[in-house]
Amino acid sequence: MRRFWWIALCAVLAGCSAPQEPKKAEAPRQDVPAPDIFKVNLDTSKGAVVIEVHKDWAPLGAQHLFELVNRGYYDGNRFFRVTRAYVQWGVNGDPQVSSLWSTANLRDDPVKQSNLKGTVAYAKLGPNTRATQLFINMRDNKDLDKQGFAPVGKVVSGMDVVESLYDAYGDMPPRGQGPDPTKIETQGNSYLESRFPRLDFIKKAAIQ
């Protein structure tokens, strides 16, 4: 059974146009070195979001994010967990692609920046389990600092777009009635489209 990477040990954790099919992202392999600072443009169903990534904040996480974006992994991703505390995404719409990347775990980066509102970090389950899932802090979540969640960047444009993402489905089980993480991994976007059709999504992610 595949493990599902999500934000562990956290307290609280309309209609869209038809999304494009997820790109067949390539399997993990070493990419060119990421710049010290780079921006990731998310063209979402609600508008543009720009994340500024700082390699000195979390070198391993920043490099991995650079590779994921360049290989099209996030294209077609749903924002499947939208709460007052977090917005989470990072499961590819194709279960086979998701499976390829889900075992490419990273060692943890030291926490150099606090999880303040607007910062972006990897979701994980225990030490050294970061893979592909990311979340945006929707409020100051400083309690995550001591749990080892190292921000890799921050939203520098489009936070109003993030705050407008569809959130009525609530959190994942058992906290809420939102998407089942196991079914996302095994069934991909087909599960989300049939059961949670109003989820917002990333049309295209690109390095600026």
N, C-alpha and C. Protein backbone atom coordinates (compact mmCIF):
# COMPACT_ATOMS: atom_id res chain seq x y z
N MET A 1 0.85 -1.20 0.00
CA MET A 1 0.00 0.00 0.00
C MET A 1 0.89 1.25 0.00
N ARG A 2 0.58 2.16 -0.87
CA ARG A 2 1.37 3.37 -0.92
C ARG A 2 1.12 4.23 0.30
N ARG A 3 2.18 4.89 0.75
CA ARG A 3 2.00 5.85 1.83
C ARG A 3 1.58 7.18 1.24
N PHE A 4 0.88 7.96 2.02
CA PHE A 4 0.41 9.25 1.54
C PHE A 4 1.05 10.34 2.38
N TRP A 5 1.73 11.25 1.71
CA TRP A 5 2.47 12.28 2.42
C TRP A 5 1.55 13.46 2.66
N TRP A 6 1.36 13.80 3.89
CA TRP A 6 0.49 14.91 4.23
C TRP A 6 1.02 15.58 5.47
N ILE A 7 0.43 16.69 5.86
CA ILE A 7 0.92 17.45 7.00
C ILE A 7 0.58 16.68 8.26
N ALA A 8 1.61 16.21 8.97
CA ALA A 8 1.37 15.38 10.14
C ALA A 8 1.37 16.21 11.41
N LEU A 9 0.57 15.77 12.37
CA LEU A 9 0.56 16.34 13.71
C LEU A 9 0.17 17.80 13.76
N CYS A 10 -0.63 18.26 12.81
CA CYS A 10 -1.07 19.64 12.81
C CYS A 10 -2.44 19.73 13.46
N ALA A 11 -2.73 20.83 14.08
CA ALA A 11 -3.97 20.97 14.83
C ALA A 11 -5.15 21.09 13.89
N VAL A 12 -5.16 22.07 12.99
CA VAL A 12 -6.29 22.29 12.10
C VAL A 12 -5.80 22.21 10.69
N LEU A 13 -5.57 21.25 10.77
CA LEU A 13 -5.33 21.11 9.40
C LEU A 13 -6.71 20.52 8.99
N ALA A 14 -16.07 28.72 -7.65
CA ALA A 14 -17.06 27.87 -7.53
C ALA A 14 -16.99 27.36 -8.83
N GLY A 15 -17.40 27.01 -8.96
CA GLY A 15 -17.30 26.27 -10.20
C GLY A 15 -16.09 26.68 -11.00
N CYS A 16 -15.46 25.70 -11.74
CA CYS A 16 -14.27 25.96 -12.52
C CYS A 16 -14.48 25.51 -13.95
N SER A 17 -13.65 26.02 -14.84
CA SER A 17 -13.67 25.51 -16.20
C SER A 17 -13.04 24.13 -16.20
N ALA A 18 -13.29 23.35 -17.22
CA ALA A 18 -12.78 21.99 -17.28
C ALA A 18 -11.26 22.01 -17.31
N PRO A 19 -10.58 21.27 -16.43
CA PRO A 19 -9.12 21.28 -16.39
C PRO A 19 -8.53 20.50 -17.54
N GLN A 20 -7.27 20.85 -17.87
CA GLN A 20 -6.57 20.11 -18.89
C GLN A 20 -6.10 18.79 -18.31
N GLU A 21 -5.79 17.84 -19.18
CA GLU A 21 -5.28 16.56 -18.73
C GLU A 21 -3.88 16.76 -18.16
N PRO A 22 -3.54 16.03 -17.07
CA PRO A 22 -2.20 16.19 -16.50
C PRO A 22 -1.13 15.76 -17.49
N LYS A 23 -0.04 16.48 -17.48
CA LYS A 23 1.09 16.15 -18.35
C LYS A 23 1.76 14.88 -17.86
N LYS A 24 2.25 14.08 -18.79
CA LYS A 24 2.97 12.87 -18.43
C LYS A 24 4.35 13.27 -17.92
N ALA A 25 4.43 13.54 -16.65
CA ALA A 25 5.69 14.00 -16.06
C ALA A 25 6.73 12.90 -16.14
N GLU A 26 7.98 13.32 -16.26
CA GLU A 26 9.07 12.37 -16.37
C GLU A 26 9.41 11.78 -15.00
N ALA A 27 10.10 10.65 -15.03
CA ALA A 27 10.54 10.03 -13.79
C ALA A 27 11.65 10.87 -13.15
N PRO A 28 11.86 10.70 -11.85
CA PRO A 28 12.89 11.48 -11.16
C PRO A 28 14.28 11.22 -11.71
N ARG A 29 15.06 12.26 -11.84
CA ARG A 29 16.48 12.16 -12.14
C ARG A 29 17.10 13.51 -11.86
N GLN A 30 18.40 13.56 -11.68
CA GLN A 30 19.06 14.81 -11.34
C GLN A 30 18.92 15.83 -12.46
N ASP A 31 18.52 17.01 -12.12
CA ASP A 31 18.33 18.07 -13.10
C ASP A 31 19.49 19.05 -12.99
N VAL A 32 19.45 20.11 -13.80
CA VAL A 32 20.45 21.16 -13.69
C VAL A 32 20.27 21.86 -12.36
N PRO A 33 21.33 22.44 -11.82
CA PRO A 33 21.22 23.11 -10.53
C PRO A 33 20.20 24.25 -10.57
N ALA A 34 19.41 24.36 -9.54
CA ALA A 34 18.43 25.45 -9.44
C ALA A 34 19.16 26.75 -9.12
N PRO A 35 18.64 27.88 -9.59
CA PRO A 35 19.20 29.18 -9.20
C PRO A 35 19.06 29.39 -7.70
N ASP A 36 19.83 30.33 -7.17
CA ASP A 36 19.74 30.62 -5.74
C ASP A 36 18.36 31.10 -5.35
N ILE A 37 17.75 31.90 -6.21
CA ILE A 37 16.37 32.36 -6.03
C ILE A 37 15.66 32.21 -7.36
N PHE A 38 14.50 31.60 -7.36
CA PHE A 38 13.72 31.49 -8.59
C PHE A 38 12.23 31.57 -8.25
N LYS A 39 11.44 31.87 -9.26
CA LYS A 39 10.00 32.00 -9.06
C LYS A 39 9.25 30.91 -9.82
N VAL A 40 8.24 30.38 -9.17
CA VAL A 40 7.36 29.39 -9.78
C VAL A 40 6.01 30.04 -10.05
N ASN A 41 5.62 30.06 -11.31
CA ASN A 41 4.32 30.62 -11.69
C ASN A 41 3.29 29.49 -11.73
N LEU A 42 2.24 29.64 -10.95
CA LEU A 42 1.13 28.69 -10.99
C LEU A 42 -0.03 29.36 -11.70
N ASP A 43 -0.37 28.84 -12.87
CA ASP A 43 -1.55 29.31 -13.60
C ASP A 43 -2.70 28.45 -13.12
N THR A 44 -3.52 28.99 -12.22
CA THR A 44 -4.57 28.19 -11.60
C THR A 44 -5.94 28.52 -12.19
N SER A 45 -6.92 27.73 -11.80
CA SER A 45 -8.29 27.95 -12.26
C SER A 45 -8.90 29.22 -11.71
N LYS A 46 -8.27 29.83 -10.72
CA LYS A 46 -8.75 31.08 -10.16
C LYS A 46 -7.86 32.28 -10.49
N GLY A 47 -6.73 32.04 -11.15
CA GLY A 47 -5.83 33.13 -11.47
C GLY A 47 -4.38 32.77 -11.19
N ALA A 48 -3.49 33.75 -11.35
CA ALA A 48 -2.06 33.51 -11.24
C ALA A 48 -1.58 33.61 -9.79
N VAL A 49 -0.68 32.69 -9.43
CA VAL A 49 -0.01 32.69 -8.13
C VAL A 49 1.49 32.56 -8.40
N VAL A 50 2.28 33.39 -7.75
CA VAL A 50 3.73 33.33 -7.92
C VAL A 50 4.39 33.01 -6.58
N ILE A 51 5.21 31.96 -6.59
CA ILE A 51 5.95 31.55 -5.40
C ILE A 51 7.43 31.83 -5.63
N GLU A 52 8.03 32.57 -4.72
CA GLU A 52 9.47 32.84 -4.79
C GLU A 52 10.20 31.83 -3.91
N VAL A 53 11.08 31.05 -4.53
CA VAL A 53 11.78 29.97 -3.84
C VAL A 53 13.21 30.42 -3.54
N HIS A 54 13.64 30.16 -2.31
CA HIS A 54 14.97 30.55 -1.85
C HIS A 54 15.78 29.30 -1.54
N LYS A 55 16.83 29.08 -2.29
CA LYS A 55 17.63 27.87 -2.11
C LYS A 55 18.34 27.86 -0.76
N ASP A 56 18.67 29.04 -0.24
CA ASP A 56 19.36 29.07 1.05
C ASP A 56 18.42 28.75 2.21
N TRP A 57 17.11 28.83 1.99
CA TRP A 57 16.16 28.46 3.04
C TRP A 57 16.13 26.95 3.23
N ALA A 58 16.13 26.22 2.12
CA ALA A 58 16.01 24.76 2.16
C ALA A 58 16.61 24.20 0.86
N PRO A 59 17.92 23.99 0.81
CA PRO A 59 18.59 23.63 -0.45
C PRO A 59 18.05 22.38 -1.12
N LEU A 60 17.85 21.33 -0.36
CA LEU A 60 17.37 20.09 -0.97
C LEU A 60 15.94 20.24 -1.48
N GLY A 61 15.10 20.87 -0.68
CA GLY A 61 13.72 21.06 -1.09
C GLY A 61 13.59 21.97 -2.29
N ALA A 62 14.39 23.03 -2.34
CA ALA A 62 14.33 23.96 -3.46
C ALA A 62 14.76 23.29 -4.76
N GLN A 63 15.84 22.51 -4.70
CA GLN A 63 16.32 21.82 -5.90
C GLN A 63 15.27 20.83 -6.40
N HIS A 64 14.68 20.10 -5.49
CA HIS A 64 13.66 19.11 -5.85
C HIS A 64 12.44 19.78 -6.48
N LEU A 65 12.03 20.90 -5.92
CA LEU A 65 10.89 21.64 -6.47
C LEU A 65 11.19 22.14 -7.87
N PHE A 66 12.40 22.61 -8.08
CA PHE A 66 12.84 23.07 -9.40
C PHE A 66 12.70 21.94 -10.42
N GLU A 67 13.13 20.73 -10.04
CA GLU A 67 13.04 19.58 -10.94
C GLU A 67 11.59 19.19 -11.21
N LEU A 68 10.77 19.15 -10.16
CA LEU A 68 9.37 18.77 -10.31
C LEU A 68 8.63 19.70 -11.27
N VAL A 69 8.86 20.99 -11.10
CA VAL A 69 8.18 21.97 -11.96
C VAL A 69 8.66 21.81 -13.40
N ASN A 70 9.96 21.70 -13.59
CA ASN A 70 10.50 21.58 -14.95
C ASN A 70 10.02 20.32 -15.66
N ARG A 71 9.69 19.29 -14.91
CA ARG A 71 9.24 18.04 -15.51
C ARG A 71 7.72 17.94 -15.62
N GLY A 72 7.03 19.03 -15.28
CA GLY A 72 5.59 19.08 -15.48
C GLY A 72 4.77 18.31 -14.46
N TYR A 73 5.38 17.99 -13.32
CA TYR A 73 4.68 17.16 -12.34
C TYR A 73 3.41 17.82 -11.81
N TYR A 74 3.42 19.13 -11.63
CA TYR A 74 2.29 19.80 -10.99
C TYR A 74 1.19 20.22 -11.96
N ASP A 75 1.40 20.04 -13.24
CA ASP A 75 0.37 20.41 -14.22
C ASP A 75 -0.86 19.53 -14.01
N GLY A 76 -2.01 20.15 -13.84
CA GLY A 76 -3.25 19.41 -13.64
C GLY A 76 -3.53 19.03 -12.20
N ASN A 77 -2.62 19.34 -11.27
CA ASN A 77 -2.84 19.02 -9.86
C ASN A 77 -4.03 19.76 -9.29
N ARG A 78 -4.80 19.08 -8.42
CA ARG A 78 -5.88 19.72 -7.68
C ARG A 78 -5.37 20.25 -6.35
N PHE A 79 -5.96 21.34 -5.91
CA PHE A 79 -5.77 21.79 -4.54
C PHE A 79 -6.76 21.00 -3.69
N PHE A 80 -6.33 19.83 -3.22
CA PHE A 80 -7.26 18.87 -2.65
C PHE A 80 -7.52 19.09 -1.16
N ARG A 81 -6.73 19.90 -0.52
CA ARG A 81 -6.93 20.19 0.90
C ARG A 81 -6.88 21.70 1.10
N VAL A 82 -8.03 22.29 1.28
CA VAL A 82 -8.13 23.73 1.42
C VAL A 82 -8.86 24.03 2.73
N THR A 83 -8.10 24.52 3.72
CA THR A 83 -8.66 24.83 5.03
C THR A 83 -8.23 26.24 5.42
N ARG A 84 -8.65 26.64 6.59
CA ARG A 84 -8.24 27.96 7.08
C ARG A 84 -6.76 28.01 7.43
N ALA A 85 -6.15 26.84 7.60
CA ALA A 85 -4.75 26.79 8.00
C ALA A 85 -3.80 26.50 6.85
N TYR A 86 -4.24 25.69 5.87
CA TYR A 86 -3.36 25.23 4.81
C TYR A 86 -4.08 25.11 3.48
N VAL A 87 -3.31 25.25 2.41
CA VAL A 87 -3.75 24.84 1.07
C VAL A 87 -2.71 23.85 0.57
N GLN A 88 -3.15 22.64 0.23
CA GLN A 88 -2.22 21.57 -0.10
C GLN A 88 -2.50 21.00 -1.49
N TRP A 89 -1.42 20.64 -2.17
CA TRP A 89 -1.50 19.99 -3.48
C TRP A 89 -0.23 19.16 -3.68
N GLY A 90 -0.15 18.43 -4.80
CA GLY A 90 1.08 17.72 -5.10
C GLY A 90 0.93 16.25 -5.39
N VAL A 91 -0.30 15.78 -5.67
CA VAL A 91 -0.48 14.41 -6.16
C VAL A 91 -0.81 14.50 -7.64
N ASN A 92 0.03 13.92 -8.47
CA ASN A 92 -0.19 13.97 -9.91
C ASN A 92 -1.49 13.28 -10.29
N GLY A 93 -2.16 13.79 -11.34
CA GLY A 93 -3.43 13.23 -11.77
C GLY A 93 -3.34 11.83 -12.33
N ASP A 94 -2.13 11.39 -12.72
CA ASP A 94 -1.90 10.05 -13.24
C ASP A 94 -1.28 9.21 -12.12
N PRO A 95 -1.96 8.18 -11.62
CA PRO A 95 -1.42 7.38 -10.52
C PRO A 95 -0.05 6.78 -10.80
N GLN A 96 0.23 6.44 -12.05
CA GLN A 96 1.54 5.87 -12.37
C GLN A 96 2.65 6.89 -12.19
N VAL A 97 2.39 8.11 -12.62
CA VAL A 97 3.38 9.18 -12.43
C VAL A 97 3.56 9.48 -10.96
N SER A 98 2.45 9.57 -10.25
CA SER A 98 2.51 9.82 -8.81
C SER A 98 3.34 8.76 -8.10
N SER A 99 3.17 7.51 -8.51
CA SER A 99 3.91 6.41 -7.89
C SER A 99 5.41 6.53 -8.13
N LEU A 100 5.80 6.95 -9.33
CA LEU A 100 7.21 7.09 -9.64
C LEU A 100 7.91 8.07 -8.71
N TRP A 101 7.22 9.18 -8.43
CA TRP A 101 7.83 10.24 -7.63
C TRP A 101 7.62 10.08 -6.14
N SER A 102 6.63 9.30 -5.72
CA SER A 102 6.30 9.24 -4.30
C SER A 102 7.38 8.58 -3.46
N THR A 103 8.26 7.80 -4.10
CA THR A 103 9.34 7.16 -3.37
C THR A 103 10.66 7.93 -3.45
N ALA A 104 10.64 9.07 -4.15
CA ALA A 104 11.86 9.89 -4.28
C ALA A 104 11.95 10.82 -3.07
N ASN A 105 12.12 10.22 -1.89
CA ASN A 105 12.08 10.99 -0.66
C ASN A 105 13.36 11.79 -0.44
N LEU A 106 13.19 12.95 0.17
CA LEU A 106 14.30 13.84 0.45
C LEU A 106 14.69 13.78 1.92
N ARG A 107 15.96 13.96 2.19
CA ARG A 107 16.37 14.21 3.57
C ARG A 107 15.81 15.57 4.00
N ASP A 108 15.58 15.71 5.26
CA ASP A 108 15.05 16.97 5.76
C ASP A 108 16.09 18.08 5.68
N ASP A 109 15.63 19.27 5.34
CA ASP A 109 16.45 20.47 5.46
C ASP A 109 16.25 21.05 6.85
N PRO A 110 17.27 21.67 7.42
CA PRO A 110 17.07 22.37 8.69
C PRO A 110 16.05 23.50 8.51
N VAL A 111 15.28 23.76 9.53
CA VAL A 111 14.28 24.84 9.47
C VAL A 111 14.99 26.17 9.71
N LYS A 112 15.05 26.99 8.67
CA LYS A 112 15.72 28.29 8.76
C LYS A 112 14.73 29.45 8.74
N GLN A 113 13.51 29.21 8.28
CA GLN A 113 12.47 30.24 8.22
C GLN A 113 11.23 29.71 8.94
N SER A 114 10.50 30.62 9.55
CA SER A 114 9.29 30.21 10.25
C SER A 114 8.13 30.01 9.28
N ASN A 115 7.20 29.16 9.66
CA ASN A 115 6.01 28.89 8.85
C ASN A 115 4.97 29.99 9.06
N LEU A 116 5.27 31.14 8.50
CA LEU A 116 4.37 32.28 8.59
C LEU A 116 3.38 32.26 7.43
N LYS A 117 2.33 33.04 7.54
CA LYS A 117 1.33 33.09 6.48
C LYS A 117 1.99 33.40 5.13
N GLY A 118 1.65 32.61 4.13
CA GLY A 118 2.18 32.81 2.79
C GLY A 118 3.41 31.99 2.46
N THR A 119 4.05 31.39 3.47
CA THR A 119 5.22 30.56 3.18
C THR A 119 4.77 29.20 2.65
N VAL A 120 5.69 28.56 1.93
CA VAL A 120 5.41 27.29 1.26
C VAL A 120 6.40 26.24 1.75
N ALA A 121 5.89 25.07 2.13
CA ALA A 121 6.74 23.98 2.60
C ALA A 121 6.21 22.65 2.07
N TYR A 122 7.05 21.63 2.17
CA TYR A 122 6.62 20.27 1.80
C TYR A 122 5.81 19.66 2.93
N ALA A 123 4.74 18.95 2.56
CA ALA A 123 4.06 18.08 3.51
C ALA A 123 4.92 16.83 3.70
N LYS A 124 4.79 16.23 4.86
CA LYS A 124 5.57 15.01 5.12
C LYS A 124 4.93 14.23 6.25
N LEU A 125 5.37 12.99 6.39
CA LEU A 125 4.93 12.12 7.46
C LEU A 125 6.17 11.54 8.12
N GLY A 126 6.66 12.23 9.13
CA GLY A 126 7.86 11.79 9.82
C GLY A 126 9.13 12.31 9.17
N PRO A 127 10.27 12.01 9.76
CA PRO A 127 11.56 12.49 9.26
C PRO A 127 11.89 11.96 7.87
N ASN A 128 12.47 12.82 7.06
CA ASN A 128 13.03 12.43 5.75
C ASN A 128 12.00 11.77 4.84
N THR A 129 10.78 12.30 4.81
CA THR A 129 9.72 11.73 3.98
C THR A 129 9.14 12.74 3.00
N ARG A 130 9.79 13.87 2.80
CA ARG A 130 9.28 14.83 1.81
C ARG A 130 9.37 14.22 0.42
N ALA A 131 8.35 14.44 -0.39
CA ALA A 131 8.36 13.88 -1.74
C ALA A 131 7.87 14.92 -2.75
N THR A 132 6.55 15.07 -2.90
CA THR A 132 6.01 15.98 -3.93
C THR A 132 4.96 16.94 -3.40
N GLN A 133 4.36 16.63 -2.27
CA GLN A 133 3.25 17.45 -1.81
C GLN A 133 3.73 18.70 -1.09
N LEU A 134 3.07 19.81 -1.42
CA LEU A 134 3.41 21.12 -0.87
C LEU A 134 2.18 21.72 -0.21
N PHE A 135 2.40 22.67 0.67
CA PHE A 135 1.29 23.42 1.24
C PHE A 135 1.69 24.88 1.43
N ILE A 136 0.69 25.73 1.34
CA ILE A 136 0.85 27.15 1.64
C ILE A 136 0.24 27.38 3.02
N ASN A 137 0.97 28.02 3.89
CA ASN A 137 0.44 28.39 5.18
C ASN A 137 -0.56 29.54 5.01
N MET A 138 -1.78 29.31 5.44
CA MET A 138 -2.82 30.31 5.31
C MET A 138 -2.93 31.20 6.54
N ARG A 139 -2.10 30.94 7.51
CA ARG A 139 -1.98 31.76 8.72
C ARG A 139 -0.60 31.46 9.29
N ASP A 140 -0.22 32.14 10.32
CA ASP A 140 1.05 31.83 10.97
C ASP A 140 0.92 30.48 11.68
N ASN A 141 1.74 29.52 11.27
CA ASN A 141 1.74 28.17 11.85
C ASN A 141 3.11 27.87 12.44
N LYS A 142 3.52 28.67 13.40
CA LYS A 142 4.86 28.54 13.96
C LYS A 142 5.07 27.21 14.66
N ASP A 143 3.99 26.54 15.04
CA ASP A 143 4.14 25.23 15.68
C ASP A 143 4.78 24.21 14.75
N LEU A 144 4.69 24.46 13.43
CA LEU A 144 5.30 23.53 12.47
C LEU A 144 6.82 23.63 12.45
N ASP A 145 7.36 24.75 12.93
CA ASP A 145 8.81 24.92 12.91
C ASP A 145 9.50 23.81 13.70
N LYS A 146 9.01 23.57 14.91
CA LYS A 146 9.65 22.57 15.76
C LYS A 146 9.36 21.15 15.31
N GLN A 147 8.41 20.98 14.39
CA GLN A 147 8.11 19.66 13.84
C GLN A 147 8.93 19.37 12.58
N GLY A 148 9.77 20.32 12.17
CA GLY A 148 10.70 20.07 11.07
C GLY A 148 10.21 20.43 9.69
N PHE A 149 9.13 21.21 9.60
CA PHE A 149 8.63 21.65 8.29
C PHE A 149 9.41 22.90 7.87
N ALA A 150 10.29 22.74 6.90
CA ALA A 150 11.18 23.82 6.48
C ALA A 150 10.62 24.54 5.26
N PRO A 151 10.18 25.79 5.40
CA PRO A 151 9.70 26.53 4.22
C PRO A 151 10.79 26.63 3.15
N VAL A 152 10.36 26.49 1.89
CA VAL A 152 11.28 26.63 0.76
C VAL A 152 11.08 27.95 0.04
N GLY A 153 9.97 28.62 0.30
CA GLY A 153 9.68 29.86 -0.39
C GLY A 153 8.44 30.52 0.18
N LYS A 154 7.94 31.50 -0.55
CA LYS A 154 6.76 32.23 -0.10
C LYS A 154 5.99 32.76 -1.31
N VAL A 155 4.70 32.94 -1.11
CA VAL A 155 3.86 33.53 -2.16
C VAL A 155 4.15 35.02 -2.21
N VAL A 156 4.56 35.51 -3.37
CA VAL A 156 4.87 36.94 -3.52
C VAL A 156 3.83 37.66 -4.37
N SER A 157 2.95 36.90 -5.00
CA SER A 157 1.87 37.48 -5.80
C SER A 157 0.74 36.47 -5.89
N GLY A 158 -0.49 36.95 -5.73
CA GLY A 158 -1.64 36.07 -5.89
C GLY A 158 -2.14 35.43 -4.62
N MET A 159 -1.77 35.99 -3.45
CA MET A 159 -2.30 35.42 -2.21
C MET A 159 -3.82 35.56 -2.16
N ASP A 160 -4.34 36.59 -2.79
CA ASP A 160 -5.80 36.73 -2.86
C ASP A 160 -6.42 35.59 -3.67
N VAL A 161 -5.69 35.12 -4.68
CA VAL A 161 -6.16 33.98 -5.46
C VAL A 161 -6.18 32.73 -4.58
N VAL A 162 -5.11 32.52 -3.83
CA VAL A 162 -5.04 31.36 -2.93
C VAL A 162 -6.20 31.39 -1.94
N GLU A 163 -6.49 32.56 -1.41
CA GLU A 163 -7.57 32.69 -0.43
C GLU A 163 -8.95 32.47 -1.04
N SER A 164 -9.05 32.51 -2.37
CA SER A 164 -10.34 32.32 -3.03
C SER A 164 -10.57 30.89 -3.50
N LEU A 165 -9.59 29.99 -3.30
CA LEU A 165 -9.74 28.61 -3.76
C LEU A 165 -10.91 27.93 -3.06
N TYR A 166 -11.57 27.04 -3.78
CA TYR A 166 -12.78 26.39 -3.27
C TYR A 166 -12.45 25.57 -2.03
N ASP A 167 -13.18 25.84 -0.93
CA ASP A 167 -12.86 25.20 0.34
C ASP A 167 -14.03 24.48 1.01
N ALA A 168 -15.16 24.39 0.33
CA ALA A 168 -16.36 23.85 0.98
C ALA A 168 -16.29 22.35 1.27
N TYR A 169 -15.39 21.61 0.61
CA TYR A 169 -15.30 20.18 0.88
C TYR A 169 -14.67 19.89 2.24
N GLY A 170 -13.92 20.83 2.77
CA GLY A 170 -13.33 20.65 4.08
C GLY A 170 -12.05 19.82 4.06
N ASP A 171 -11.59 19.48 5.25
CA ASP A 171 -10.33 18.76 5.41
C ASP A 171 -10.49 17.29 5.03
N MET A 172 -9.36 16.60 4.94
CA MET A 172 -9.35 15.18 4.63
C MET A 172 -9.87 14.37 5.81
N PRO A 173 -10.38 13.16 5.55
CA PRO A 173 -10.76 12.28 6.64
C PRO A 173 -9.52 11.94 7.50
N PRO A 174 -9.63 11.79 8.81
CA PRO A 174 -10.87 11.80 9.59
C PRO A 174 -11.28 13.19 10.08
N ARG A 175 -10.50 14.23 9.72
CA ARG A 175 -10.81 15.57 10.20
C ARG A 175 -12.04 16.17 9.52
N GLY A 176 -12.30 15.74 8.28
CA GLY A 176 -13.40 16.31 7.53
C GLY A 176 -13.91 15.34 6.48
N GLN A 177 -14.71 15.87 5.55
CA GLN A 177 -15.34 15.06 4.52
C GLN A 177 -14.71 15.29 3.14
N GLY A 178 -13.50 15.79 3.13
CA GLY A 178 -12.82 16.06 1.88
C GLY A 178 -12.28 14.81 1.22
N PRO A 179 -11.46 14.96 0.18
CA PRO A 179 -10.94 13.82 -0.57
C PRO A 179 -10.17 12.83 0.31
N ASP A 180 -10.32 11.56 -0.01
CA ASP A 180 -9.61 10.49 0.67
C ASP A 180 -8.21 10.38 0.05
N PRO A 181 -7.16 10.57 0.83
CA PRO A 181 -5.81 10.59 0.26
C PRO A 181 -5.41 9.31 -0.45
N THR A 182 -5.84 8.16 0.08
CA THR A 182 -5.48 6.89 -0.56
C THR A 182 -6.09 6.79 -1.95
N LYS A 183 -7.32 7.25 -2.08
CA LYS A 183 -7.99 7.18 -3.38
C LYS A 183 -7.40 8.18 -4.38
N ILE A 184 -6.89 9.31 -3.89
CA ILE A 184 -6.23 10.25 -4.79
C ILE A 184 -5.02 9.57 -5.43
N GLU A 185 -4.23 8.89 -4.62
CA GLU A 185 -3.02 8.24 -5.14
C GLU A 185 -3.34 7.09 -6.08
N THR A 186 -4.37 6.32 -5.76
CA THR A 186 -4.65 5.11 -6.56
C THR A 186 -5.51 5.39 -7.78
N GLN A 187 -6.36 6.45 -7.72
CA GLN A 187 -7.27 6.72 -8.82
C GLN A 187 -7.00 8.05 -9.53
N GLY A 188 -6.19 8.88 -8.94
CA GLY A 188 -5.82 10.13 -9.58
C GLY A 188 -6.96 11.11 -9.74
N ASN A 189 -6.87 11.93 -10.77
CA ASN A 189 -7.86 12.99 -10.98
C ASN A 189 -9.25 12.46 -11.30
N SER A 190 -9.34 11.24 -11.80
CA SER A 190 -10.67 10.70 -12.12
C SER A 190 -11.52 10.60 -10.86
N TYR A 191 -10.90 10.23 -9.75
CA TYR A 191 -11.61 10.18 -8.47
C TYR A 191 -12.05 11.57 -8.03
N LEU A 192 -11.15 12.53 -8.15
CA LEU A 192 -11.48 13.89 -7.72
C LEU A 192 -12.52 14.53 -8.62
N GLU A 193 -12.44 14.28 -9.91
CA GLU A 193 -13.42 14.86 -10.83
C GLU A 193 -14.82 14.32 -10.58
N SER A 194 -14.93 13.04 -10.22
CA SER A 194 -16.25 12.45 -10.02
C SER A 194 -16.83 12.77 -8.66
N ARG A 195 -15.98 12.87 -7.63
CA ARG A 195 -16.48 13.06 -6.28
C ARG A 195 -16.36 14.50 -5.78
N PHE A 196 -15.37 15.22 -6.29
CA PHE A 196 -15.10 16.57 -5.80
C PHE A 196 -14.85 17.50 -6.99
N PRO A 197 -15.86 17.67 -7.84
CA PRO A 197 -15.66 18.35 -9.13
C PRO A 197 -15.37 19.84 -9.01
N ARG A 198 -15.61 20.44 -7.87
CA ARG A 198 -15.43 21.89 -7.75
C ARG A 198 -14.05 22.29 -7.24
N LEU A 199 -13.20 21.32 -7.01
CA LEU A 199 -11.84 21.65 -6.57
C LEU A 199 -11.14 22.53 -7.61
N ASP A 200 -10.44 23.53 -7.14
CA ASP A 200 -9.60 24.32 -8.04
C ASP A 200 -8.32 23.54 -8.36
N PHE A 201 -7.62 23.98 -9.39
CA PHE A 201 -6.51 23.19 -9.90
C PHE A 201 -5.45 24.07 -10.55
N ILE A 202 -4.29 23.48 -10.75
CA ILE A 202 -3.18 24.13 -11.45
C ILE A 202 -3.25 23.75 -12.92
N LYS A 203 -3.43 24.72 -13.77
CA LYS A 203 -3.40 24.46 -15.21
C LYS A 203 -1.99 24.16 -15.66
N LYS A 204 -1.07 25.01 -15.22
CA LYS A 204 0.33 24.89 -15.62
C LYS A 204 1.23 25.51 -14.55
N ALA A 205 2.29 24.80 -14.21
CA ALA A 205 3.33 25.34 -13.32
C ALA A 205 4.60 25.51 -14.12
N ALA A 206 5.26 26.65 -13.98
CA ALA A 206 6.45 26.93 -14.78
C ALA A 206 7.43 27.79 -13.99
N ILE A 207 8.70 27.61 -14.29
CA ILE A 207 9.74 28.46 -13.72
C ILE A 207 9.75 29.77 -14.46
N GLN A 208 9.68 30.86 -13.75
CA GLN A 208 9.67 32.18 -14.38
C GLN A 208 11.05 32.53 -14.90
